[in-house]
């Protein structure tokens, strides 16, 4: 029975840690910064499908949701060398884009 893991990257910290997590997984599984499987990684059964879904024959996309109240960290991910790795339909930023100012109660009431 296949098992998949979906990561939820929430807020500044969650998205920064999540970005490093996906960089490491790409290195371990032989997936390029664009989500293309490297030639050396085509052999073997390392279960890339647990963390990535295969969009076509060669393109692997993280099973991840990126969520934040303000766009700074999400924009830095979308402008990084890994910008083509993520599915942009799985990125959610609050409409007002103001963030919570490190105040949990403010963020709680904005959602």
PDB file of N, CA and C in Angstrom:
ATOM      1  N   UNK A   1       0.847  -1.169   0.000  1.00  0.00           N
ATOM      2  CA  UNK A   1       0.000   0.000   0.000  1.00  0.00           C
ATOM      3  C   UNK A   1       0.898   1.239   0.000  1.00  0.00           C
ATOM      4  N   UNK A   2       0.726   2.131  -0.993  1.00  0.00           N
ATOM      5  CA  UNK A   2       1.557   3.330  -1.033  1.00  0.00           C
ATOM      6  C   UNK A   2       1.226   4.276   0.113  1.00  0.00           C
ATOM      7  N   UNK A   3       2.232   4.923   0.596  1.00  0.00           N
ATOM      8  CA  UNK A   3       2.074   5.911   1.669  1.00  0.00           C
ATOM      9  C   UNK A   3       2.692   7.218   1.193  1.00  0.00           C
ATOM     10  N   UNK A   4       1.955   8.293   1.349  1.00  0.00           N
ATOM     11  CA  UNK A   4       2.465   9.603   0.982  1.00  0.00           C
ATOM     12  C   UNK A   4       2.508  10.501   2.208  1.00  0.00           C
ATOM     13  N   UNK A   5       3.452  11.421   2.191  1.00  0.00           N
ATOM     14  CA  UNK A   5       3.575  12.397   3.261  1.00  0.00           C
ATOM     15  C   UNK A   5       3.417  13.777   2.641  1.00  0.00           C
ATOM     16  N   UNK A   6       2.514  14.565   3.198  1.00  0.00           N
ATOM     17  CA  UNK A   6       2.298  15.931   2.743  1.00  0.00           C
ATOM     18  C   UNK A   6       2.820  16.862   3.829  1.00  0.00           C
ATOM     19  N   UNK A   7       3.682  17.785   3.452  1.00  0.00           N
ATOM     20  CA  UNK A   7       4.200  18.732   4.435  1.00  0.00           C
ATOM     21  C   UNK A   7       3.369  20.008   4.404  1.00  0.00           C
ATOM     22  N   UNK A   8       3.153  20.560   5.585  1.00  0.00           N
ATOM     23  CA  UNK A   8       2.504  21.860   5.733  1.00  0.00           C
ATOM     24  C   UNK A   8       3.566  22.836   6.209  1.00  0.00           C
ATOM     25  N   UNK A   9       3.896  23.806   5.376  1.00  0.00           N
ATOM     26  CA  UNK A   9       4.871  24.825   5.725  1.00  0.00           C
ATOM     27  C   UNK A   9       4.086  26.084   6.057  1.00  0.00           C
ATOM     28  N   UNK A  10       4.011  26.398   7.348  1.00  0.00           N
ATOM     29  CA  UNK A  10       3.159  27.494   7.803  1.00  0.00           C
ATOM     30  C   UNK A  10       4.015  28.577   8.446  1.00  0.00           C
ATOM     31  N   UNK A  11       3.843  29.804   7.986  1.00  0.00           N
ATOM     32  CA  UNK A  11       4.530  30.949   8.564  1.00  0.00           C
ATOM     33  C   UNK A  11       5.975  31.057   8.125  1.00  0.00           C
ATOM     34  N   UNK A  12       6.643  32.066   8.669  1.00  0.00           N
ATOM     35  CA  UNK A  12       8.030  32.331   8.300  1.00  0.00           C
ATOM     36  C   UNK A  12       8.936  31.150   8.622  1.00  0.00           C
ATOM     37  N   UNK A  13       8.888  30.685   9.843  1.00  0.00           N
ATOM     38  CA  UNK A  13       9.752  29.587  10.270  1.00  0.00           C
ATOM     39  C   UNK A  13       9.437  28.306   9.498  1.00  0.00           C
ATOM     40  N   UNK A  14       8.157  27.974   9.387  1.00  0.00           N
ATOM     41  CA  UNK A  14       7.767  26.752   8.692  1.00  0.00           C
ATOM     42  C   UNK A  14       8.218  26.731   7.249  1.00  0.00           C
ATOM     43  N   UNK A  15       8.119  27.860   6.577  1.00  0.00           N
ATOM     44  CA  UNK A  15       8.524  27.924   5.178  1.00  0.00           C
ATOM     45  C   UNK A  15      10.039  27.933   5.014  1.00  0.00           C
ATOM     46  N   UNK A  16      10.756  28.556   5.944  1.00  0.00           N
ATOM     47  CA  UNK A  16      12.215  28.539   5.865  1.00  0.00           C
ATOM     48  C   UNK A  16      12.764  27.142   6.148  1.00  0.00           C
ATOM     49  N   UNK A  17      12.238  26.480   7.161  1.00  0.00           N
ATOM     50  CA  UNK A  17      12.666  25.111   7.458  1.00  0.00           C
ATOM     51  C   UNK A  17      12.246  24.183   6.322  1.00  0.00           C
ATOM     52  N   UNK A  18      11.024  24.368   5.825  1.00  0.00           N
ATOM     53  CA  UNK A  18      10.539  23.544   4.726  1.00  0.00           C
ATOM     54  C   UNK A  18      11.404  23.656   3.489  1.00  0.00           C
ATOM     55  N   UNK A  19      11.870  24.844   3.179  1.00  0.00           N
ATOM     56  CA  UNK A  19      12.738  25.031   2.013  1.00  0.00           C
ATOM     57  C   UNK A  19      14.022  24.232   2.163  1.00  0.00           C
ATOM     58  N   UNK A  20      14.626  24.273   3.344  1.00  0.00           N
ATOM     59  CA  UNK A  20      15.848  23.503   3.583  1.00  0.00           C
ATOM     60  C   UNK A  20      15.568  22.001   3.531  1.00  0.00           C
ATOM     61  N   UNK A  21      14.417  21.594   4.042  1.00  0.00           N
ATOM     62  CA  UNK A  21      14.001  20.191   4.007  1.00  0.00           C
ATOM     63  C   UNK A  21      13.933  19.689   2.566  1.00  0.00           C
ATOM     64  N   UNK A  22      13.293  20.470   1.683  1.00  0.00           N
ATOM     65  CA  UNK A  22      13.151  20.047   0.283  1.00  0.00           C
ATOM     66  C   UNK A  22      14.474  20.071  -0.454  1.00  0.00           C
ATOM     67  N   UNK A  23      15.350  21.011  -0.117  1.00  0.00           N
ATOM     68  CA  UNK A  23      16.688  21.014  -0.717  1.00  0.00           C
ATOM     69  C   UNK A  23      17.402  19.706  -0.400  1.00  0.00           C
ATOM     70  N   UNK A  24      17.327  19.288   0.862  1.00  0.00           N
ATOM     71  CA  UNK A  24      17.998  18.057   1.278  1.00  0.00           C
ATOM     72  C   UNK A  24      17.374  16.833   0.612  1.00  0.00           C
ATOM     73  N   UNK A  25      16.044  16.778   0.556  1.00  0.00           N
ATOM     74  CA  UNK A  25      15.389  15.643  -0.100  1.00  0.00           C
ATOM     75  C   UNK A  25      15.744  15.566  -1.576  1.00  0.00           C
ATOM     76  N   UNK A  26      15.837  16.708  -2.232  1.00  0.00           N
ATOM     77  CA  UNK A  26      16.230  16.716  -3.645  1.00  0.00           C
ATOM     78  C   UNK A  26      17.635  16.142  -3.806  1.00  0.00           C
ATOM     79  N   UNK A  27      18.545  16.538  -2.927  1.00  0.00           N
ATOM     80  CA  UNK A  27      19.906  15.994  -2.979  1.00  0.00           C
ATOM     81  C   UNK A  27      19.906  14.483  -2.770  1.00  0.00           C
ATOM     82  N   UNK A  28      19.177  14.015  -1.770  1.00  0.00           N
ATOM     83  CA  UNK A  28      19.166  12.593  -1.436  1.00  0.00           C
ATOM     84  C   UNK A  28      18.536  11.730  -2.519  1.00  0.00           C
ATOM     85  N   UNK A  29      17.550  12.272  -3.235  1.00  0.00           N
ATOM     86  CA  UNK A  29      16.829  11.477  -4.229  1.00  0.00           C
ATOM     87  C   UNK A  29      17.258  11.766  -5.662  1.00  0.00           C
ATOM     88  N   UNK A  30      18.240  12.624  -5.855  1.00  0.00           N
ATOM     89  CA  UNK A  30      18.730  12.906  -7.196  1.00  0.00           C
ATOM     90  C   UNK A  30      17.757  13.705  -8.039  1.00  0.00           C
ATOM     91  N   UNK A  31      17.110  14.673  -7.421  1.00  0.00           N
ATOM     92  CA  UNK A  31      16.156  15.529  -8.127  1.00  0.00           C
ATOM     93  C   UNK A  31      16.767  16.924  -8.219  1.00  0.00           C
ATOM     94  N   UNK A  32      16.774  17.478  -9.431  1.00  0.00           N
ATOM     95  CA  UNK A  32      17.397  18.787  -9.648  1.00  0.00           C
ATOM     96  C   UNK A  32      16.558  19.903  -9.041  1.00  0.00           C
ATOM     97  N   UNK A  33      17.084  21.112  -9.081  1.00  0.00           N
ATOM     98  CA  UNK A  33      16.390  22.282  -8.541  1.00  0.00           C
ATOM     99  C   UNK A  33      15.116  22.597  -9.312  1.00  0.00           C
ATOM    100  N   UNK A  34      15.004  22.069 -10.521  1.00  0.00           N
ATOM    101  CA  UNK A  34      13.801  22.252 -11.338  1.00  0.00           C
ATOM    102  C   UNK A  34      12.831  21.086 -11.215  1.00  0.00           C
ATOM    103  N   UNK A  35      13.169  20.095 -10.391  1.00  0.00           N
ATOM    104  CA  UNK A  35      12.290  18.949 -10.204  1.00  0.00           C
ATOM    105  C   UNK A  35      12.501  17.833 -11.211  1.00  0.00           C
ATOM    106  N   UNK A  36      13.585  17.904 -11.971  1.00  0.00           N
ATOM    107  CA  UNK A  36      13.876  16.888 -12.977  1.00  0.00           C
ATOM    108  C   UNK A  36      14.784  15.833 -12.353  1.00  0.00           C
ATOM    109  N   UNK A  37      14.468  14.581 -12.612  1.00  0.00           N
ATOM    110  CA  UNK A  37      15.252  13.471 -12.078  1.00  0.00           C
ATOM    111  C   UNK A  37      16.607  13.415 -12.779  1.00  0.00           C
ATOM    112  N   UNK A  38      17.677  13.387 -12.000  1.00  0.00           N
ATOM    113  CA  UNK A  38      19.029  13.298 -12.554  1.00  0.00           C
ATOM    114  C   UNK A  38      19.251  11.904 -13.136  1.00  0.00           C
ATOM    115  N   UNK A  39      20.154  11.806 -14.106  1.00  0.00           N
ATOM    116  CA  UNK A  39      20.411  10.529 -14.784  1.00  0.00           C
ATOM    117  C   UNK A  39      20.845   9.436 -13.818  1.00  0.00           C
ATOM    118  N   UNK A  40      21.688   9.784 -12.848  1.00  0.00           N
ATOM    119  CA  UNK A  40      22.198   8.775 -11.923  1.00  0.00           C
ATOM    120  C   UNK A  40      21.123   8.231 -10.984  1.00  0.00           C
ATOM    121  N   UNK A  41      19.985   8.911 -10.871  1.00  0.00           N
ATOM    122  CA  UNK A  41      18.957   8.533  -9.895  1.00  0.00           C
ATOM    123  C   UNK A  41      17.803   7.748 -10.512  1.00  0.00           C
ATOM    124  N   UNK A  42      17.934   7.336 -11.761  1.00  0.00           N
ATOM    125  CA  UNK A  42      16.825   6.625 -12.405  1.00  0.00           C
ATOM    126  C   UNK A  42      16.741   5.171 -11.971  1.00  0.00           C
ATOM    127  N   UNK A  43      17.814   4.621 -11.477  1.00  0.00           N
ATOM    128  CA  UNK A  43      17.826   3.227 -11.032  1.00  0.00           C
ATOM    129  C   UNK A  43      17.539   3.149  -9.534  1.00  0.00           C
ATOM    130  N   UNK A  44      16.985   2.044  -9.115  1.00  0.00           N
ATOM    131  CA  UNK A  44      16.753   1.836  -7.688  1.00  0.00           C
ATOM    132  C   UNK A  44      15.327   2.125  -7.278  1.00  0.00           C
ATOM    133  N   UNK A  45      15.001   1.698  -6.095  1.00  0.00           N
ATOM    134  CA  UNK A  45      13.647   1.870  -5.590  1.00  0.00           C
ATOM    135  C   UNK A  45      13.621   2.680  -4.317  1.00  0.00           C
ATOM    136  N   UNK A  46      14.053   3.921  -4.373  1.00  0.00           N
ATOM    137  CA  UNK A  46      14.160   4.725  -3.158  1.00  0.00           C
ATOM    138  C   UNK A  46      12.868   5.437  -2.774  1.00  0.00           C
ATOM    139  N   UNK A  47      11.756   5.113  -3.416  1.00  0.00           N
ATOM    140  CA  UNK A  47      10.424   5.612  -3.045  1.00  0.00           C
ATOM    141  C   UNK A  47      10.328   7.139  -3.053  1.00  0.00           C
ATOM    142  N   UNK A  48      10.684   7.729  -4.177  1.00  0.00           N
ATOM    143  CA  UNK A  48      10.525   9.175  -4.334  1.00  0.00           C
ATOM    144  C   UNK A  48       9.072   9.598  -4.175  1.00  0.00           C
ATOM    145  N   UNK A  49       8.153   8.677  -4.463  1.00  0.00           N
ATOM    146  CA  UNK A  49       6.720   8.996  -4.444  1.00  0.00           C
ATOM    147  C   UNK A  49       6.174   9.257  -3.043  1.00  0.00           C
ATOM    148  N   UNK A  50       6.939   8.993  -2.009  1.00  0.00           N
ATOM    149  CA  UNK A  50       6.475   9.276  -0.654  1.00  0.00           C
ATOM    150  C   UNK A  50       6.401  10.790  -0.428  1.00  0.00           C
ATOM    151  N   UNK A  51       7.417  11.517  -0.864  1.00  0.00           N
ATOM    152  CA  UNK A  51       7.473  12.960  -0.660  1.00  0.00           C
ATOM    153  C   UNK A  51       7.164  13.773  -1.910  1.00  0.00           C
ATOM    154  N   UNK A  52       7.332  13.167  -3.087  1.00  0.00           N
ATOM    155  CA  UNK A  52       7.126  13.873  -4.348  1.00  0.00           C
ATOM    156  C   UNK A  52       6.042  13.169  -5.145  1.00  0.00           C
ATOM    157  N   UNK A  53       5.316  13.928  -5.961  1.00  0.00           N
ATOM    158  CA  UNK A  53       4.471  13.274  -6.952  1.00  0.00           C
ATOM    159  C   UNK A  53       5.050  13.571  -8.320  1.00  0.00           C
ATOM    160  N   UNK A  54       4.890  12.609  -9.205  1.00  0.00           N
ATOM    161  CA  UNK A  54       5.477  12.700 -10.528  1.00  0.00           C
ATOM    162  C   UNK A  54       4.471  13.341 -11.476  1.00  0.00           C
ATOM    163  N   UNK A  55       4.760  14.556 -11.927  1.00  0.00           N
ATOM    164  CA  UNK A  55       3.840  15.295 -12.784  1.00  0.00           C
ATOM    165  C   UNK A  55       3.863  14.766 -14.211  1.00  0.00           C
ATOM    166  N   UNK A  56       5.002  14.350 -14.684  1.00  0.00           N
ATOM    167  CA  UNK A  56       5.128  13.722 -15.992  1.00  0.00           C
ATOM    168  C   UNK A  56       6.270  12.724 -15.900  1.00  0.00           C
ATOM    169  N   UNK A  57       6.825  12.326 -17.001  1.00  0.00           N
ATOM    170  CA  UNK A  57       7.848  11.285 -16.974  1.00  0.00           C
ATOM    171  C   UNK A  57       9.081  11.647 -16.155  1.00  0.00           C
ATOM    172  N   UNK A  58       9.431  12.932 -16.085  1.00  0.00           N
ATOM    173  CA  UNK A  58      10.676  13.314 -15.424  1.00  0.00           C
ATOM    174  C   UNK A  58      10.517  14.326 -14.300  1.00  0.00           C
ATOM    175  N   UNK A  59       9.406  15.003 -14.211  1.00  0.00           N
ATOM    176  CA  UNK A  59       9.264  16.123 -13.274  1.00  0.00           C
ATOM    177  C   UNK A  59       8.638  15.668 -11.953  1.00  0.00           C
ATOM    178  N   UNK A  60       9.360  15.903 -10.863  1.00  0.00           N
ATOM    179  CA  UNK A  60       8.884  15.559  -9.528  1.00  0.00           C
ATOM    180  C   UNK A  60       8.555  16.843  -8.769  1.00  0.00           C
ATOM    181  N   UNK A  61       7.395  16.870  -8.119  1.00  0.00           N
ATOM    182  CA  UNK A  61       6.918  18.044  -7.397  1.00  0.00           C
ATOM    183  C   UNK A  61       6.693  17.661  -5.937  1.00  0.00           C
ATOM    184  N   UNK A  62       7.181  18.486  -4.993  1.00  0.00           N
ATOM    185  CA  UNK A  62       6.983  18.183  -3.573  1.00  0.00           C
ATOM    186  C   UNK A  62       5.504  18.129  -3.197  1.00  0.00           C
ATOM    187  N   UNK A  63       5.181  17.200  -2.327  1.00  0.00           N
ATOM    188  CA  UNK A  63       3.836  17.150  -1.744  1.00  0.00           C
ATOM    189  C   UNK A  63       3.848  18.130  -0.570  1.00  0.00           C
ATOM    190  N   UNK A  64       3.632  19.408  -0.871  1.00  0.00           N
ATOM    191  CA  UNK A  64       3.775  20.451   0.150  1.00  0.00           C
ATOM    192  C   UNK A  64       2.756  21.554  -0.062  1.00  0.00           C
ATOM    193  N   UNK A  65       2.288  22.099   1.049  1.00  0.00           N
ATOM    194  CA  UNK A  65       1.469  23.311   1.043  1.00  0.00           C
ATOM    195  C   UNK A  65       2.271  24.397   1.738  1.00  0.00           C
ATOM    196  N   UNK A  66       2.416  25.538   1.087  1.00  0.00           N
ATOM    197  CA  UNK A  66       3.137  26.678   1.646  1.00  0.00           C
ATOM    198  C   UNK A  66       2.108  27.739   2.011  1.00  0.00           C
ATOM    199  N   UNK A  67       2.055  28.098   3.291  1.00  0.00           N
ATOM    200  CA  UNK A  67       1.019  29.003   3.797  1.00  0.00           C
ATOM    201  C   UNK A  67       1.687  30.093   4.631  1.00  0.00           C
ATOM    202  N   UNK A  68       1.278  31.354   4.396  1.00  0.00           N
ATOM    203  CA  UNK A  68       1.819  32.446   5.208  1.00  0.00           C
ATOM    204  C   UNK A  68       0.877  33.640   5.158  1.00  0.00           C
ATOM    205  N   UNK A  69       0.932  34.472   6.205  1.00  0.00           N
ATOM    206  CA  UNK A  69       0.123  35.687   6.249  1.00  0.00           C
ATOM    207  C   UNK A  69       0.783  36.841   5.503  1.00  0.00           C
ATOM    208  N   UNK A  70       2.097  36.781   5.342  1.00  0.00           N
ATOM    209  CA  UNK A  70       2.788  37.842   4.612  1.00  0.00           C
ATOM    210  C   UNK A  70       3.707  37.205   3.574  1.00  0.00           C
ATOM    211  N   UNK A  71       3.928  37.878   2.464  1.00  0.00           N
ATOM    212  CA  UNK A  71       4.549  37.232   1.304  1.00  0.00           C
ATOM    213  C   UNK A  71       6.073  37.179   1.282  1.00  0.00           C
ATOM    214  N   UNK A  72       6.771  37.764   2.233  1.00  0.00           N
ATOM    215  CA  UNK A  72       8.226  37.898   2.119  1.00  0.00           C
ATOM    216  C   UNK A  72       8.944  36.568   1.930  1.00  0.00           C
ATOM    217  N   UNK A  73       8.720  35.603   2.812  1.00  0.00           N
ATOM    218  CA  UNK A  73       9.432  34.325   2.732  1.00  0.00           C
ATOM    219  C   UNK A  73       8.965  33.523   1.517  1.00  0.00           C
ATOM    220  N   UNK A  74       7.667  33.511   1.262  1.00  0.00           N
ATOM    221  CA  UNK A  74       7.137  32.791   0.094  1.00  0.00           C
ATOM    222  C   UNK A  74       7.729  33.390  -1.189  1.00  0.00           C
ATOM    223  N   UNK A  75       7.812  34.720  -1.256  1.00  0.00           N
ATOM    224  CA  UNK A  75       8.405  35.359  -2.437  1.00  0.00           C
ATOM    225  C   UNK A  75       9.869  34.987  -2.595  1.00  0.00           C
ATOM    226  N   UNK A  76      10.587  34.884  -1.473  1.00  0.00           N
ATOM    227  CA  UNK A  76      11.998  34.501  -1.572  1.00  0.00           C
ATOM    228  C   UNK A  76      12.137  33.075  -2.089  1.00  0.00           C
ATOM    229  N   UNK A  77      11.213  32.193  -1.724  1.00  0.00           N
ATOM    230  CA  UNK A  77      11.226  30.825  -2.249  1.00  0.00           C
ATOM    231  C   UNK A  77      10.897  30.841  -3.738  1.00  0.00           C
ATOM    232  N   UNK A  78       9.890  31.620  -4.121  1.00  0.00           N
ATOM    233  CA  UNK A  78       9.469  31.666  -5.518  1.00  0.00           C
ATOM    234  C   UNK A  78      10.479  32.382  -6.410  1.00  0.00           C
ATOM    235  N   UNK A  79      11.408  33.119  -5.826  1.00  0.00           N
ATOM    236  CA  UNK A  79      12.460  33.772  -6.603  1.00  0.00           C
ATOM    237  C   UNK A  79      13.803  33.068  -6.470  1.00  0.00           C
ATOM    238  N   UNK A  80      13.840  31.957  -5.743  1.00  0.00           N
ATOM    239  CA  UNK A  80      15.089  31.232  -5.532  1.00  0.00           C
ATOM    240  C   UNK A  80      15.371  30.312  -6.718  1.00  0.00           C
ATOM    241  N   UNK A  81      16.490  29.630  -6.650  1.00  0.00           N
ATOM    242  CA  UNK A  81      16.838  28.684  -7.712  1.00  0.00           C
ATOM    243  C   UNK A  81      15.923  27.456  -7.703  1.00  0.00           C
ATOM    244  N   UNK A  82      15.128  27.295  -6.659  1.00  0.00           N
ATOM    245  CA  UNK A  82      14.167  26.189  -6.567  1.00  0.00           C
ATOM    246  C   UNK A  82      12.754  26.621  -6.973  1.00  0.00           C
ATOM    247  N   UNK A  83      12.601  27.759  -7.622  1.00  0.00           N
ATOM    248  CA  UNK A  83      11.278  28.318  -7.955  1.00  0.00           C
ATOM    249  C   UNK A  83      10.432  27.396  -8.824  1.00  0.00           C
ATOM    250  N   UNK A  84      11.050  26.557  -9.652  1.00  0.00           N
ATOM    251  CA  UNK A  84      10.287  25.662 -10.526  1.00  0.00           C
ATOM    252  C   UNK A  84      10.005  24.308  -9.890  1.00  0.00           C
ATOM    253  N   UNK A  85      10.442  24.116  -8.663  1.00  0.00           N
ATOM    254  CA  UNK A  85      10.232  22.843  -7.979  1.00  0.00           C
ATOM    255  C   UNK A  85       8.802  22.705  -7.472  1.00  0.00           C
ATOM    256  N   UNK A  86       8.253  23.771  -6.928  1.00  0.00           N
ATOM    257  CA  UNK A  86       6.949  23.722  -6.269  1.00  0.00           C
ATOM    258  C   UNK A  86       5.796  23.874  -7.251  1.00  0.00           C
ATOM    259  N   UNK A  87       4.643  23.335  -6.875  1.00  0.00           N
ATOM    260  CA  UNK A  87       3.401  23.579  -7.600  1.00  0.00           C
ATOM    261  C   UNK A  87       2.846  24.900  -7.066  1.00  0.00           C
ATOM    262  N   UNK A  88       2.751  25.901  -7.914  1.00  0.00           N
ATOM    263  CA  UNK A  88       2.331  27.234  -7.466  1.00  0.00           C
ATOM    264  C   UNK A  88       0.865  27.268  -7.035  1.00  0.00           C
ATOM    265  N   UNK A  89       0.107  26.241  -7.375  1.00  0.00           N
ATOM    266  CA  UNK A  89      -1.281  26.157  -6.904  1.00  0.00           C
ATOM    267  C   UNK A  89      -1.351  25.765  -5.430  1.00  0.00           C
ATOM    268  N   UNK A  90      -0.234  25.317  -4.868  1.00  0.00           N
ATOM    269  CA  UNK A  90      -0.187  24.902  -3.467  1.00  0.00           C
ATOM    270  C   UNK A  90       0.446  25.963  -2.574  1.00  0.00           C
ATOM    271  N   UNK A  91       0.492  27.200  -3.049  1.00  0.00           N
ATOM    272  CA  UNK A  91       1.061  28.313  -2.292  1.00  0.00           C
ATOM    273  C   UNK A  91      -0.073  29.268  -1.935  1.00  0.00           C
ATOM    274  N   UNK A  92      -0.201  29.555  -0.638  1.00  0.00           N
ATOM    275  CA  UNK A  92      -1.287  30.413  -0.157  1.00  0.00           C
ATOM    276  C   UNK A  92      -0.719  31.539   0.703  1.00  0.00           C
ATOM    277  N   UNK A  93      -1.013  32.782   0.300  1.00  0.00           N
ATOM    278  CA  UNK A  93      -0.593  33.968   1.042  1.00  0.00           C
ATOM    279  C   UNK A  93      -1.845  34.791   1.308  1.00  0.00           C
ATOM    280  N   UNK A  94      -1.964  35.338   2.520  1.00  0.00           N
ATOM    281  CA  UNK A  94      -3.133  36.147   2.879  1.00  0.00           C
ATOM    282  C   UNK A  94      -3.276  37.327   1.922  1.00  0.00           C
ATOM    283  N   UNK A  95      -4.512  37.690   1.633  1.00  0.00           N
ATOM    284  CA  UNK A  95      -4.792  38.774   0.686  1.00  0.00           C
ATOM    285  C   UNK A  95      -4.220  40.115   1.132  1.00  0.00           C
ATOM    286  N   UNK A  96      -4.313  40.407   2.423  1.00  0.00           N
ATOM    287  CA  UNK A  96      -3.839  41.702   2.916  1.00  0.00           C
ATOM    288  C   UNK A  96      -2.327  41.762   2.989  1.00  0.00           C
ATOM    289  N   UNK A  97      -1.670  40.612   3.129  1.00  0.00           N
ATOM    290  CA  UNK A  97      -0.220  40.533   3.094  1.00  0.00           C
ATOM    291  C   UNK A  97       0.514  41.245   4.204  1.00  0.00           C
ATOM    292  N   UNK A  98      -0.154  41.563   5.303  1.00  0.00           N
ATOM    293  CA  UNK A  98       0.481  42.328   6.364  1.00  0.00           C
ATOM    294  C   UNK A  98       1.209  41.507   7.398  1.00  0.00           C
ATOM    295  N   UNK A  99       0.916  40.231   7.495  1.00  0.00           N
ATOM    296  CA  UNK A  99       1.537  39.407   8.515  1.00  0.00           C
ATOM    297  C   UNK A  99       0.923  39.650   9.879  1.00  0.00           C
ATOM    298  N   UNK A 100       1.472  38.979  10.867  1.00  0.00           N
ATOM    299  CA  UNK A 100       0.953  39.093  12.226  1.00  0.00           C
ATOM    300  C   UNK A 100       1.907  39.858  13.135  1.00  0.00           C
ATOM    301  N   UNK A 101       3.055  40.274  12.625  1.00  0.00           N
ATOM    302  CA  UNK A 101       4.001  41.037  13.439  1.00  0.00           C
ATOM    303  C   UNK A 101       4.487  40.266  14.645  1.00  0.00           C
ATOM    304  N   UNK A 102       4.691  38.963  14.512  1.00  0.00           N
ATOM    305  CA  UNK A 102       5.131  38.093  15.603  1.00  0.00           C
ATOM    306  C   UNK A 102       4.171  38.101  16.784  1.00  0.00           C
ATOM    307  N   UNK A 103       2.910  38.372  16.522  1.00  0.00           N
ATOM    308  CA  UNK A 103       1.883  38.386  17.558  1.00  0.00           C
ATOM    309  C   UNK A 103       0.879  37.287  17.231  1.00  0.00           C
ATOM    310  N   UNK A 104       0.910  36.193  17.990  1.00  0.00           N
ATOM    311  CA  UNK A 104       0.061  35.046  17.709  1.00  0.00           C
ATOM    312  C   UNK A 104      -1.411  35.436  17.670  1.00  0.00           C
ATOM    313  N   UNK A 105      -1.868  36.232  18.609  1.00  0.00           N
ATOM    314  CA  UNK A 105      -3.280  36.610  18.680  1.00  0.00           C
ATOM    315  C   UNK A 105      -3.706  37.381  17.434  1.00  0.00           C
ATOM    316  N   UNK A 106      -2.853  38.242  16.946  1.00  0.00           N
ATOM    317  CA  UNK A 106      -3.165  38.993  15.728  1.00  0.00           C
ATOM    318  C   UNK A 106      -3.292  38.046  14.539  1.00  0.00           C
ATOM    319  N   UNK A 107      -2.382  37.117  14.410  1.00  0.00           N
ATOM    320  CA  UNK A 107      -2.449  36.133  13.328  1.00  0.00           C
ATOM    321  C   UNK A 107      -3.663  35.241  13.440  1.00  0.00           C
ATOM    322  N   UNK A 108      -4.016  34.875  14.655  1.00  0.00           N
ATOM    323  CA  UNK A 108      -5.177  34.016  14.887  1.00  0.00           C
ATOM    324  C   UNK A 108      -6.452  34.684  14.392  1.00  0.00           C
ATOM    325  N   UNK A 109      -6.588  35.967  14.626  1.00  0.00           N
ATOM    326  CA  UNK A 109      -7.807  36.678  14.239  1.00  0.00           C
ATOM    327  C   UNK A 109      -7.827  37.064  12.767  1.00  0.00           C
ATOM    328  N   UNK A 110      -6.698  37.004  12.087  1.00  0.00           N
ATOM    329  CA  UNK A 110      -6.651  37.319  10.661  1.00  0.00           C
ATOM    330  C   UNK A 110      -7.092  36.148   9.805  1.00  0.00           C
ATOM    331  N   UNK A 111      -6.975  34.948  10.330  1.00  0.00           N
ATOM    332  CA  UNK A 111      -7.282  33.758   9.529  1.00  0.00           C
ATOM    333  C   UNK A 111      -8.723  33.509   9.425  1.00  0.00           C
TER     334      UNK A 111
END
